[in-house]
PDB file of N, CA and C in Angstrom:
ATOM      1  N   MET A   1      -5.187  -3.018 -15.969  1.00  0.00           N
ATOM      2  CA  MET A   1      -4.095  -3.031 -15.002  1.00  0.00           C
ATOM      3  C   MET A   1      -4.071  -1.691 -14.288  1.00  0.00           C
ATOM      4  N   GLY A   2      -3.893  -1.749 -12.993  1.00  0.00           N
ATOM      5  CA  GLY A   2      -3.810  -0.526 -12.225  1.00  0.00           C
ATOM      6  C   GLY A   2      -3.176  -0.789 -10.874  1.00  0.00           C
ATOM      7  N   TRP A   3      -3.225   0.211 -10.034  1.00  0.00           N
ATOM      8  CA  TRP A   3      -2.604   0.156  -8.706  1.00  0.00           C
ATOM      9  C   TRP A   3      -3.628   0.509  -7.650  1.00  0.00           C
ATOM     10  N   LEU A   4      -3.657  -0.278  -6.587  1.00  0.00           N
ATOM     11  CA  LEU A   4      -4.470   0.024  -5.418  1.00  0.00           C
ATOM     12  C   LEU A   4      -3.539   0.654  -4.393  1.00  0.00           C
ATOM     13  N   MET A   5      -3.830   1.885  -4.024  1.00  0.00           N
ATOM     14  CA  MET A   5      -2.987   2.611  -3.082  1.00  0.00           C
ATOM     15  C   MET A   5      -3.711   2.719  -1.750  1.00  0.00           C
ATOM     16  N   ALA A   6      -3.001   2.418  -0.679  1.00  0.00           N
ATOM     17  CA  ALA A   6      -3.532   2.536   0.679  1.00  0.00           C
ATOM     18  C   ALA A   6      -2.748   3.626   1.396  1.00  0.00           C
ATOM     19  N   MET A   7      -3.462   4.651   1.844  1.00  0.00           N
ATOM     20  CA  MET A   7      -2.851   5.753   2.587  1.00  0.00           C
ATOM     21  C   MET A   7      -3.535   5.774   3.949  1.00  0.00           C
ATOM     22  N   PHE A   8      -2.766   5.862   5.019  1.00  0.00           N
ATOM     23  CA  PHE A   8      -3.413   5.683   6.320  1.00  0.00           C
ATOM     24  C   PHE A   8      -2.760   6.490   7.428  1.00  0.00           C
ATOM     25  N   ASP A   9      -3.595   6.764   8.434  1.00  0.00           N
ATOM     26  CA  ASP A   9      -3.182   7.330   9.713  1.00  0.00           C
ATOM     27  C   ASP A   9      -3.601   6.317  10.769  1.00  0.00           C
ATOM     28  N   LEU A  10      -2.647   5.868  11.557  1.00  0.00           N
ATOM     29  CA  LEU A  10      -2.937   4.926  12.633  1.00  0.00           C
ATOM     30  C   LEU A  10      -2.379   5.482  13.931  1.00  0.00           C
ATOM     31  N   PRO A  11      -3.152   5.446  15.002  1.00  0.00           N
ATOM     32  CA  PRO A  11      -2.633   5.949  16.279  1.00  0.00           C
ATOM     33  C   PRO A  11      -1.514   5.041  16.785  1.00  0.00           C
ATOM     34  N   VAL A  12      -0.508   5.657  17.410  1.00  0.00           N
ATOM     35  CA  VAL A  12       0.631   4.890  17.935  1.00  0.00           C
ATOM     36  C   VAL A  12       1.073   5.415  19.302  1.00  0.00           C
ATOM     37  N   THR A  13       0.111   5.897  20.085  1.00  0.00           N
ATOM     38  CA  THR A  13       0.474   6.472  21.383  1.00  0.00           C
ATOM     39  C   THR A  13       0.628   5.422  22.473  1.00  0.00           C
ATOM     40  N   THR A  14      -0.049   4.288  22.333  1.00  0.00           N
ATOM     41  CA  THR A  14       0.086   3.226  23.340  1.00  0.00           C
ATOM     42  C   THR A  14       0.802   2.028  22.725  1.00  0.00           C
ATOM     43  N   GLU A  15       1.284   1.146  23.574  1.00  0.00           N
ATOM     44  CA  GLU A  15       1.955  -0.069  23.104  1.00  0.00           C
ATOM     45  C   GLU A  15       1.009  -0.907  22.246  1.00  0.00           C
ATOM     46  N   GLN A  16      -0.228  -1.013  22.664  1.00  0.00           N
ATOM     47  CA  GLN A  16      -1.227  -1.789  21.918  1.00  0.00           C
ATOM     48  C   GLN A  16      -1.469  -1.170  20.534  1.00  0.00           C
ATOM     49  N   GLU A  17      -1.560   0.154  20.461  1.00  0.00           N
ATOM     50  CA  GLU A  17      -1.756   0.831  19.166  1.00  0.00           C
ATOM     51  C   GLU A  17      -0.539   0.643  18.261  1.00  0.00           C
ATOM     52  N   ARG A  18       0.665   0.716  18.820  1.00  0.00           N
ATOM     53  CA  ARG A  18       1.884   0.508  18.017  1.00  0.00           C
ATOM     54  C   ARG A  18       1.914  -0.902  17.445  1.00  0.00           C
ATOM     55  N   LYS A  19       1.530  -1.881  18.238  1.00  0.00           N
ATOM     56  CA  LYS A  19       1.498  -3.269  17.757  1.00  0.00           C
ATOM     57  C   LYS A  19       0.465  -3.435  16.658  1.00  0.00           C
ATOM     58  N   ALA A  20      -0.699  -2.809  16.826  1.00  0.00           N
ATOM     59  CA  ALA A  20      -1.748  -2.897  15.808  1.00  0.00           C
ATOM     60  C   ALA A  20      -1.299  -2.235  14.508  1.00  0.00           C
ATOM     61  N   ALA A  21      -0.621  -1.100  14.615  1.00  0.00           N
ATOM     62  CA  ALA A  21      -0.124  -0.402  13.421  1.00  0.00           C
ATOM     63  C   ALA A  21       0.935  -1.239  12.707  1.00  0.00           C
ATOM     64  N   ALA A  22       1.847  -1.823  13.470  1.00  0.00           N
ATOM     65  CA  ALA A  22       2.891  -2.673  12.876  1.00  0.00           C
ATOM     66  C   ALA A  22       2.264  -3.896  12.215  1.00  0.00           C
ATOM     67  N   ARG A  23       1.275  -4.475  12.853  1.00  0.00           N
ATOM     68  CA  ARG A  23       0.600  -5.646  12.286  1.00  0.00           C
ATOM     69  C   ARG A  23      -0.097  -5.267  10.971  1.00  0.00           C
ATOM     70  N   PHE A  24      -0.733  -4.093  10.932  1.00  0.00           N
ATOM     71  CA  PHE A  24      -1.414  -3.645   9.717  1.00  0.00           C
ATOM     72  C   PHE A  24      -0.413  -3.477   8.570  1.00  0.00           C
ATOM     73  N   ARG A  25       0.724  -2.848   8.846  1.00  0.00           N
ATOM     74  CA  ARG A  25       1.745  -2.662   7.807  1.00  0.00           C
ATOM     75  C   ARG A  25       2.270  -4.008   7.309  1.00  0.00           C
ATOM     76  N   HIS A  26       2.511  -4.939   8.221  1.00  0.00           N
ATOM     77  CA  HIS A  26       2.980  -6.269   7.817  1.00  0.00           C
ATOM     78  C   HIS A  26       1.906  -7.008   7.013  1.00  0.00           C
ATOM     79  N   ASP A  27       0.649  -6.836   7.397  1.00  0.00           N
ATOM     80  CA  ASP A  27      -0.441  -7.466   6.643  1.00  0.00           C
ATOM     81  C   ASP A  27      -0.508  -6.919   5.213  1.00  0.00           C
ATOM     82  N   LEU A  28      -0.295  -5.614   5.063  1.00  0.00           N
ATOM     83  CA  LEU A  28      -0.280  -5.039   3.711  1.00  0.00           C
ATOM     84  C   LEU A  28       0.832  -5.681   2.877  1.00  0.00           C
ATOM     85  N   LEU A  29       2.014  -5.813   3.463  1.00  0.00           N
ATOM     86  CA  LEU A  29       3.125  -6.453   2.746  1.00  0.00           C
ATOM     87  C   LEU A  29       2.762  -7.893   2.384  1.00  0.00           C
ATOM     88  N   ASP A  30       2.121  -8.606   3.301  1.00  0.00           N
ATOM     89  CA  ASP A  30       1.711  -9.985   3.034  1.00  0.00           C
ATOM     90  C   ASP A  30       0.696 -10.071   1.898  1.00  0.00           C
ATOM     91  N   HIS A  31      -0.064  -8.997   1.680  1.00  0.00           N
ATOM     92  CA  HIS A  31      -1.049  -8.953   0.603  1.00  0.00           C
ATOM     93  C   HIS A  31      -0.456  -8.405  -0.696  1.00  0.00           C
ATOM     94  N   GLY A  32       0.860  -8.287  -0.760  1.00  0.00           N
ATOM     95  CA  GLY A  32       1.518  -7.883  -1.997  1.00  0.00           C
ATOM     96  C   GLY A  32       1.693  -6.391  -2.188  1.00  0.00           C
ATOM     97  N   PHE A  33       1.480  -5.606  -1.140  1.00  0.00           N
ATOM     98  CA  PHE A  33       1.677  -4.165  -1.246  1.00  0.00           C
ATOM     99  C   PHE A  33       3.165  -3.833  -1.125  1.00  0.00           C
ATOM    100  N   LEU A  34       3.565  -2.732  -1.732  1.00  0.00           N
ATOM    101  CA  LEU A  34       4.925  -2.208  -1.624  1.00  0.00           C
ATOM    102  C   LEU A  34       4.866  -0.921  -0.822  1.00  0.00           C
ATOM    103  N   MET A  35       5.848  -0.706   0.060  1.00  0.00           N
ATOM    104  CA  MET A  35       5.868   0.535   0.830  1.00  0.00           C
ATOM    105  C   MET A  35       6.398   1.656  -0.065  1.00  0.00           C
ATOM    106  N   ILE A  36       5.583   2.676  -0.288  1.00  0.00           N
ATOM    107  CA  ILE A  36       5.966   3.832  -1.090  1.00  0.00           C
ATOM    108  C   ILE A  36       6.522   4.920  -0.171  1.00  0.00           C
ATOM    109  N   GLN A  37       5.818   5.188   0.920  1.00  0.00           N
ATOM    110  CA  GLN A  37       6.245   6.096   1.974  1.00  0.00           C
ATOM    111  C   GLN A  37       5.800   5.454   3.277  1.00  0.00           C
ATOM    112  N   TYR A  38       6.100   6.068   4.413  1.00  0.00           N
ATOM    113  CA  TYR A  38       5.785   5.439   5.693  1.00  0.00           C
ATOM    114  C   TYR A  38       4.336   5.003   5.802  1.00  0.00           C
ATOM    115  N   SER A  39       3.399   5.816   5.399  1.00  0.00           N
ATOM    116  CA  SER A  39       1.985   5.469   5.519  1.00  0.00           C
ATOM    117  C   SER A  39       1.296   5.411   4.167  1.00  0.00           C
ATOM    118  N   VAL A  40       2.056   5.091   3.133  1.00  0.00           N
ATOM    119  CA  VAL A  40       1.504   4.949   1.788  1.00  0.00           C
ATOM    120  C   VAL A  40       2.056   3.663   1.181  1.00  0.00           C
ATOM    121  N   TYR A  41       1.147   2.757   0.868  1.00  0.00           N
ATOM    122  CA  TYR A  41       1.522   1.480   0.266  1.00  0.00           C
ATOM    123  C   TYR A  41       0.718   1.324  -1.027  1.00  0.00           C
ATOM    124  N   ALA A  42       1.263   0.587  -1.989  1.00  0.00           N
ATOM    125  CA  ALA A  42       0.556   0.371  -3.252  1.00  0.00           C
ATOM    126  C   ALA A  42       0.765  -1.060  -3.719  1.00  0.00           C
ATOM    127  N   ARG A  43      -0.211  -1.529  -4.477  1.00  0.00           N
ATOM    128  CA  ARG A  43      -0.168  -2.895  -4.984  1.00  0.00           C
ATOM    129  C   ARG A  43      -0.724  -2.916  -6.397  1.00  0.00           C
ATOM    130  N   PRO A  44      -0.038  -3.614  -7.326  1.00  0.00           N
ATOM    131  CA  PRO A  44      -0.614  -3.743  -8.664  1.00  0.00           C
ATOM    132  C   PRO A  44      -1.817  -4.689  -8.643  1.00  0.00           C
ATOM    133  N   CYS A  45      -2.811  -4.358  -9.443  1.00  0.00           N
ATOM    134  CA  CYS A  45      -3.997  -5.212  -9.592  1.00  0.00           C
ATOM    135  C   CYS A  45      -4.274  -5.361 -11.085  1.00  0.00           C
ATOM    136  N   VAL A  46      -4.452  -6.594 -11.542  1.00  0.00           N
ATOM    137  CA  VAL A  46      -4.645  -6.836 -12.972  1.00  0.00           C
ATOM    138  C   VAL A  46      -6.110  -6.881 -13.378  1.00  0.00           C
ATOM    139  N   SER A  47      -7.004  -6.885 -12.399  1.00  0.00           N
ATOM    140  CA  SER A  47      -8.430  -6.933 -12.723  1.00  0.00           C
ATOM    141  C   SER A  47      -9.223  -6.254 -11.613  1.00  0.00           C
ATOM    142  N   PHE A  48     -10.474  -5.913 -11.942  1.00  0.00           N
ATOM    143  CA  PHE A  48     -11.329  -5.320 -10.920  1.00  0.00           C
ATOM    144  C   PHE A  48     -11.714  -6.354  -9.865  1.00  0.00           C
ATOM    145  N   GLU A  49     -11.769  -7.627 -10.251  1.00  0.00           N
ATOM    146  CA  GLU A  49     -12.040  -8.680  -9.275  1.00  0.00           C
ATOM    147  C   GLU A  49     -10.928  -8.729  -8.229  1.00  0.00           C
ATOM    148  N   GLN A  50      -9.688  -8.642  -8.691  1.00  0.00           N
ATOM    149  CA  GLN A  50      -8.554  -8.654  -7.769  1.00  0.00           C
ATOM    150  C   GLN A  50      -8.574  -7.400  -6.888  1.00  0.00           C
ATOM    151  N   LEU A  51      -8.898  -6.264  -7.486  1.00  0.00           N
ATOM    152  CA  LEU A  51      -9.014  -5.015  -6.735  1.00  0.00           C
ATOM    153  C   LEU A  51     -10.028  -5.173  -5.606  1.00  0.00           C
ATOM    154  N   HIS A  52     -11.213  -5.682  -5.911  1.00  0.00           N
ATOM    155  CA  HIS A  52     -12.258  -5.828  -4.891  1.00  0.00           C
ATOM    156  C   HIS A  52     -11.876  -6.851  -3.825  1.00  0.00           C
ATOM    157  N   LYS A  53     -11.168  -7.878  -4.225  1.00  0.00           N
ATOM    158  CA  LYS A  53     -10.702  -8.872  -3.250  1.00  0.00           C
ATOM    159  C   LYS A  53      -9.793  -8.206  -2.213  1.00  0.00           C
ATOM    160  N   HIS A  54      -8.873  -7.369  -2.673  1.00  0.00           N
ATOM    161  CA  HIS A  54      -7.947  -6.715  -1.744  1.00  0.00           C
ATOM    162  C   HIS A  54      -8.634  -5.605  -0.945  1.00  0.00           C
ATOM    163  N   LEU A  55      -9.609  -4.941  -1.541  1.00  0.00           N
ATOM    164  CA  LEU A  55     -10.389  -3.952  -0.783  1.00  0.00           C
ATOM    165  C   LEU A  55     -11.084  -4.618   0.402  1.00  0.00           C
ATOM    166  N   ARG A  56     -11.722  -5.748   0.148  1.00  0.00           N
ATOM    167  CA  ARG A  56     -12.424  -6.471   1.225  1.00  0.00           C
ATOM    168  C   ARG A  56     -11.454  -6.941   2.299  1.00  0.00           C
ATOM    169  N   ALA A  57     -10.280  -7.399   1.875  1.00  0.00           N
ATOM    170  CA  ALA A  57      -9.286  -7.873   2.851  1.00  0.00           C
ATOM    171  C   ALA A  57      -8.813  -6.728   3.738  1.00  0.00           C
ATOM    172  N   ILE A  58      -8.554  -5.573   3.148  1.00  0.00           N
ATOM    173  CA  ILE A  58      -8.068  -4.427   3.928  1.00  0.00           C
ATOM    174  C   ILE A  58      -9.135  -3.949   4.900  1.00  0.00           C
ATOM    175  N   GLU A  59     -10.392  -3.972   4.485  1.00  0.00           N
ATOM    176  CA  GLU A  59     -11.478  -3.566   5.390  1.00  0.00           C
ATOM    177  C   GLU A  59     -11.455  -4.388   6.677  1.00  0.00           C
ATOM    178  N   LYS A  60     -11.071  -5.646   6.580  1.00  0.00           N
ATOM    179  CA  LYS A  60     -11.015  -6.520   7.754  1.00  0.00           C
ATOM    180  C   LYS A  60      -9.746  -6.313   8.581  1.00  0.00           C
ATOM    181  N   LEU A  61      -8.706  -5.731   7.975  1.00  0.00           N
ATOM    182  CA  LEU A  61      -7.412  -5.589   8.648  1.00  0.00           C
ATOM    183  C   LEU A  61      -7.242  -4.271   9.402  1.00  0.00           C
ATOM    184  N   VAL A  62      -8.043  -3.275   9.072  1.00  0.00           N
ATOM    185  CA  VAL A  62      -7.864  -1.929   9.641  1.00  0.00           C
ATOM    186  C   VAL A  62      -8.051  -1.965  11.155  1.00  0.00           C
ATOM    187  N   PRO A  63      -7.071  -1.428  11.911  1.00  0.00           N
ATOM    188  CA  PRO A  63      -7.224  -1.349  13.365  1.00  0.00           C
ATOM    189  C   PRO A  63      -8.447  -0.503  13.731  1.00  0.00           C
ATOM    190  N   PRO A  64      -9.047  -0.753  14.890  1.00  0.00           N
ATOM    191  CA  PRO A  64     -10.275  -0.047  15.285  1.00  0.00           C
ATOM    192  C   PRO A  64     -10.177   1.479  15.220  1.00  0.00           C
ATOM    193  N   ALA A  65      -9.035   2.054  15.567  1.00  0.00           N
ATOM    194  CA  ALA A  65      -8.906   3.518  15.546  1.00  0.00           C
ATOM    195  C   ALA A  65      -8.188   4.002  14.290  1.00  0.00           C
ATOM    196  N   GLY A  66      -8.077   3.142  13.271  1.00  0.00           N
ATOM    197  CA  GLY A  66      -7.360   3.502  12.049  1.00  0.00           C
ATOM    198  C   GLY A  66      -8.205   4.297  11.068  1.00  0.00           C
ATOM    199  N   ASN A  67      -7.534   5.048  10.214  1.00  0.00           N
ATOM    200  CA  ASN A  67      -8.161   5.826   9.150  1.00  0.00           C
ATOM    201  C   ASN A  67      -7.406   5.481   7.876  1.00  0.00           C
ATOM    202  N   VAL A  68      -8.049   4.746   6.958  1.00  0.00           N
ATOM    203  CA  VAL A  68      -7.389   4.281   5.744  1.00  0.00           C
ATOM    204  C   VAL A  68      -8.166   4.778   4.534  1.00  0.00           C
ATOM    205  N   ARG A  69      -7.458   5.369   3.593  1.00  0.00           N
ATOM    206  CA  ARG A  69      -8.071   5.789   2.325  1.00  0.00           C
ATOM    207  C   ARG A  69      -7.481   4.901   1.243  1.00  0.00           C
ATOM    208  N   LEU A  70      -8.353   4.285   0.440  1.00  0.00           N
ATOM    209  CA  LEU A  70      -7.928   3.416  -0.642  1.00  0.00           C
ATOM    210  C   LEU A  70      -8.258   4.094  -1.968  1.00  0.00           C
ATOM    211  N   LEU A  71      -7.300   4.077  -2.867  1.00  0.00           N
ATOM    212  CA  LEU A  71      -7.453   4.769  -4.142  1.00  0.00           C
ATOM    213  C   LEU A  71      -6.961   3.844  -5.244  1.00  0.00           C
ATOM    214  N   PHE A  72      -7.740   3.705  -6.300  1.00  0.00           N
ATOM    215  CA  PHE A  72      -7.314   2.918  -7.457  1.00  0.00           C
ATOM    216  C   PHE A  72      -6.931   3.869  -8.572  1.00  0.00           C
ATOM    217  N   ILE A  73      -5.742   3.681  -9.120  1.00  0.00           N
ATOM    218  CA  ILE A  73      -5.319   4.486 -10.262  1.00  0.00           C
ATOM    219  C   ILE A  73      -4.843   3.545 -11.370  1.00  0.00           C
ATOM    220  N   THR A  74      -5.052   3.975 -12.595  1.00  0.00           N
ATOM    221  CA  THR A  74      -4.663   3.134 -13.720  1.00  0.00           C
ATOM    222  C   THR A  74      -3.144   3.089 -13.843  1.00  0.00           C
ATOM    223  N   ASP A  75      -2.669   2.106 -14.572  1.00  0.00           N
ATOM    224  CA  ASP A  75      -1.233   1.984 -14.792  1.00  0.00           C
ATOM    225  C   ASP A  75      -0.701   3.216 -15.528  1.00  0.00           C
ATOM    226  N   GLU A  76      -1.495   3.765 -16.430  1.00  0.00           N
ATOM    227  CA  GLU A  76      -1.088   4.962 -17.169  1.00  0.00           C
ATOM    228  C   GLU A  76      -0.952   6.161 -16.230  1.00  0.00           C
ATOM    229  N   GLN A  77      -1.896   6.318 -15.302  1.00  0.00           N
ATOM    230  CA  GLN A  77      -1.800   7.402 -14.326  1.00  0.00           C
ATOM    231  C   GLN A  77      -0.585   7.205 -13.427  1.00  0.00           C
ATOM    232  N   TRP A  78      -0.348   5.959 -12.998  1.00  0.00           N
ATOM    233  CA  TRP A  78       0.801   5.649 -12.151  1.00  0.00           C
ATOM    234  C   TRP A  78       2.100   6.032 -12.859  1.00  0.00           C
ATOM    235  N   ALA A  79       2.191   5.722 -14.155  1.00  0.00           N
ATOM    236  CA  ALA A  79       3.399   6.009 -14.934  1.00  0.00           C
ATOM    237  C   ALA A  79       3.656   7.506 -15.044  1.00  0.00           C
ATOM    238  N   LYS A  80       2.607   8.317 -14.937  1.00  0.00           N
ATOM    239  CA  LYS A  80       2.763   9.771 -15.036  1.00  0.00           C
ATOM    240  C   LYS A  80       3.133  10.421 -13.706  1.00  0.00           C
ATOM    241  N   SER A  81       3.170   9.634 -12.636  1.00  0.00           N
ATOM    242  CA  SER A  81       3.523  10.220 -11.336  1.00  0.00           C
ATOM    243  C   SER A  81       5.010  10.586 -11.322  1.00  0.00           C
ATOM    244  N   VAL A  82       5.340  11.534 -10.488  1.00  0.00           N
ATOM    245  CA  VAL A  82       6.714  12.024 -10.389  1.00  0.00           C
ATOM    246  C   VAL A  82       7.160  11.889  -8.937  1.00  0.00           C
ATOM    247  N   THR A  83       8.356  11.388  -8.740  1.00  0.00           N
ATOM    248  CA  THR A  83       8.922  11.283  -7.404  1.00  0.00           C
ATOM    249  C   THR A  83      10.059  12.297  -7.293  1.00  0.00           C
ATOM    250  N   VAL A  84       9.994  13.149  -6.292  1.00  0.00           N
ATOM    251  CA  VAL A  84      11.042  14.140  -6.052  1.00  0.00           C
ATOM    252  C   VAL A  84      11.652  13.819  -4.697  1.00  0.00           C
ATOM    253  N   ILE A  85      12.944  13.551  -4.684  1.00  0.00           N
ATOM    254  CA  ILE A  85      13.626  13.145  -3.457  1.00  0.00           C
ATOM    255  C   ILE A  85      14.758  14.123  -3.166  1.00  0.00           C
ATOM    256  N   GLY A  86      14.766  14.653  -1.956  1.00  0.00           N
ATOM    257  CA  GLY A  86      15.819  15.572  -1.542  1.00  0.00           C
ATOM    258  C   GLY A  86      17.166  14.864  -1.422  1.00  0.00           C
ATOM    259  N   PRO A  87      18.261  15.606  -1.498  1.00  0.00           N
ATOM    260  CA  PRO A  87      19.598  15.000  -1.496  1.00  0.00           C
ATOM    261  C   PRO A  87      19.961  14.287  -0.190  1.00  0.00           C
ATOM    262  N   ASN A  88      19.332  14.618   0.918  1.00  0.00           N
ATOM    263  CA  ASN A  88      19.666  13.994   2.198  1.00  0.00           C
ATOM    264  C   ASN A  88      18.600  13.013   2.679  1.00  0.00           C
ATOM    265  N   TYR A  89      17.668  12.661   1.805  1.00  0.00           N
ATOM    266  CA  TYR A  89      16.575  11.759   2.187  1.00  0.00           C
ATOM    267  C   TYR A  89      17.089  10.331   2.324  1.00  0.00           C
ATOM    268  N   LYS A  90      16.728   9.691   3.418  1.00  0.00           N
ATOM    269  CA  LYS A  90      17.111   8.291   3.654  1.00  0.00           C
ATOM    270  C   LYS A  90      16.000   7.395   3.118  1.00  0.00           C
ATOM    271  N   GLN A  91      16.236   6.704   2.011  1.00  0.00           N
ATOM    272  CA  GLN A  91      15.217   5.928   1.317  1.00  0.00           C
ATOM    273  C   GLN A  91      14.768   4.697   2.100  1.00  0.00           C
ATOM    274  N   GLY A  92      15.683   4.030   2.779  1.00  0.00           N
ATOM    275  CA  GLY A  92      15.309   2.838   3.528  1.00  0.00           C
ATOM    276  C   GLY A  92      14.713   1.774   2.626  1.00  0.00           C
ATOM    277  N   LYS A  93      13.622   1.156   3.071  1.00  0.00           N
ATOM    278  CA  LYS A  93      12.993   0.060   2.318  1.00  0.00           C
ATOM    279  C   LYS A  93      11.921   0.550   1.353  1.00  0.00           C
ATOM    280  N   ARG A  94      11.716   1.853   1.270  1.00  0.00           N
ATOM    281  CA  ARG A  94      10.663   2.372   0.401  1.00  0.00           C
ATOM    282  C   ARG A  94      11.090   2.290  -1.058  1.00  0.00           C
ATOM    283  N   ALA A  95      10.133   1.964  -1.910  1.00  0.00           N
ATOM    284  CA  ALA A  95      10.403   1.845  -3.340  1.00  0.00           C
ATOM    285  C   ALA A  95      10.502   3.232  -3.960  1.00  0.00           C
ATOM    286  N   ILE A  96      11.529   3.461  -4.770  1.00  0.00           N
ATOM    287  CA  ILE A  96      11.691   4.755  -5.442  1.00  0.00           C
ATOM    288  C   ILE A  96      10.716   4.845  -6.610  1.00  0.00           C
ATOM    289  N   GLU A  97      10.788   3.930  -7.515  1.00  0.00           N
ATOM    290  CA  GLU A  97       9.903   3.886  -8.679  1.00  0.00           C
ATOM    291  C   GLU A  97       9.330   2.482  -8.792  1.00  0.00           C
ATOM    292  N   PRO A  98       8.358   2.126  -7.949  1.00  0.00           N
ATOM    293  CA  PRO A  98       7.847   0.760  -7.992  1.00  0.00           C
ATOM    294  C   PRO A  98       7.182   0.447  -9.324  1.00  0.00           C
ATOM    295  N   LYS A  99       7.482  -0.718  -9.833  1.00  0.00           N
ATOM    296  CA  LYS A  99       6.898  -1.180 -11.076  1.00  0.00           C
ATOM    297  C   LYS A  99       6.163  -2.487 -10.787  1.00  0.00           C
ATOM    298  N   ALA A 100       5.249  -2.847 -11.670  1.00  0.00           N
ATOM    299  CA  ALA A 100       4.533  -4.105 -11.510  1.00  0.00           C
ATOM    300  C   ALA A 100       5.547  -5.239 -11.537  1.00  0.00           C
ATOM    301  N   PRO A 101       5.350  -6.248 -10.715  1.00  0.00           N
ATOM    302  CA  PRO A 101       6.258  -7.389 -10.729  1.00  0.00           C
ATOM    303  C   PRO A 101       6.306  -8.026 -12.114  1.00  0.00           C
ATOM    304  N   LYS A 102       7.428  -8.679 -12.448  1.00  0.00           N
ATOM    305  CA  LYS A 102       7.571  -9.304 -13.760  1.00  0.00           C
ATOM    306  C   LYS A 102       6.476 -10.334 -14.002  1.00  0.00           C
ATOM    307  N   GLN A 103       6.117 -11.073 -12.973  1.00  0.00           N
ATOM    308  CA  GLN A 103       5.045 -12.047 -13.095  1.00  0.00           C
ATOM    309  C   GLN A 103       3.906 -11.597 -12.195  1.00  0.00           C
ATOM    310  N   ILE A 104       2.771 -11.345 -12.786  1.00  0.00           N
ATOM    311  CA  ILE A 104       1.601 -10.888 -12.039  1.00  0.00           C
ATOM    312  C   ILE A 104       0.600 -12.029 -11.982  1.00  0.00           C
ATOM    313  N   GLU A 105       0.046 -12.269 -10.814  1.00  0.00           N
ATOM    314  CA  GLU A 105      -0.936 -13.324 -10.652  1.00  0.00           C
ATOM    315  C   GLU A 105      -2.285 -12.863 -11.190  1.00  0.00           C
ATOM    316  N   PHE A 106      -2.821 -13.619 -12.137  1.00  0.00           N
ATOM    317  CA  PHE A 106      -4.146 -13.295 -12.653  1.00  0.00           C
ATOM    318  C   PHE A 106      -5.221 -13.916 -11.776  1.00  0.00           C
ATOM    319  N   TRP A 107      -4.896 -14.997 -11.091  1.00  0.00           N
ATOM    320  CA  TRP A 107      -5.844 -15.648 -10.195  1.00  0.00           C
ATOM    321  C   TRP A 107      -5.166 -15.815  -8.848  1.00  0.00           C
ATOM    322  N   ASP A 108      -5.834 -15.412  -7.796  1.00  0.00           N
ATOM    323  CA  ASP A 108      -5.326 -15.716  -6.460  1.00  0.00           C
ATOM    324  C   ASP A 108      -6.427 -15.967  -5.484  1.00  0.00           C
TER     325      ASP A 108
END
């Protein structure tokens, strides 16, 4: 069990680039990712097969001018991470301490 983390920089200077960036973020959510920060999303993966499936899917979703770094970390490493939030930070829809869903799909 581990987490696939997607960290990205996407250009948003034109209307077309903004739409592509929004579509990419929505596609990540559709693939089961959780928004950790504005350009950092993570998804639990229960097997290396599932990890590779999502890696291949993201490769097809990246906008032409996008820069995406994908990182796999074990559940134990994820549990050791620390979140520090300032007193005036607006959390919005970002997960504070995302945990694996209660029911994880072993086959998809």
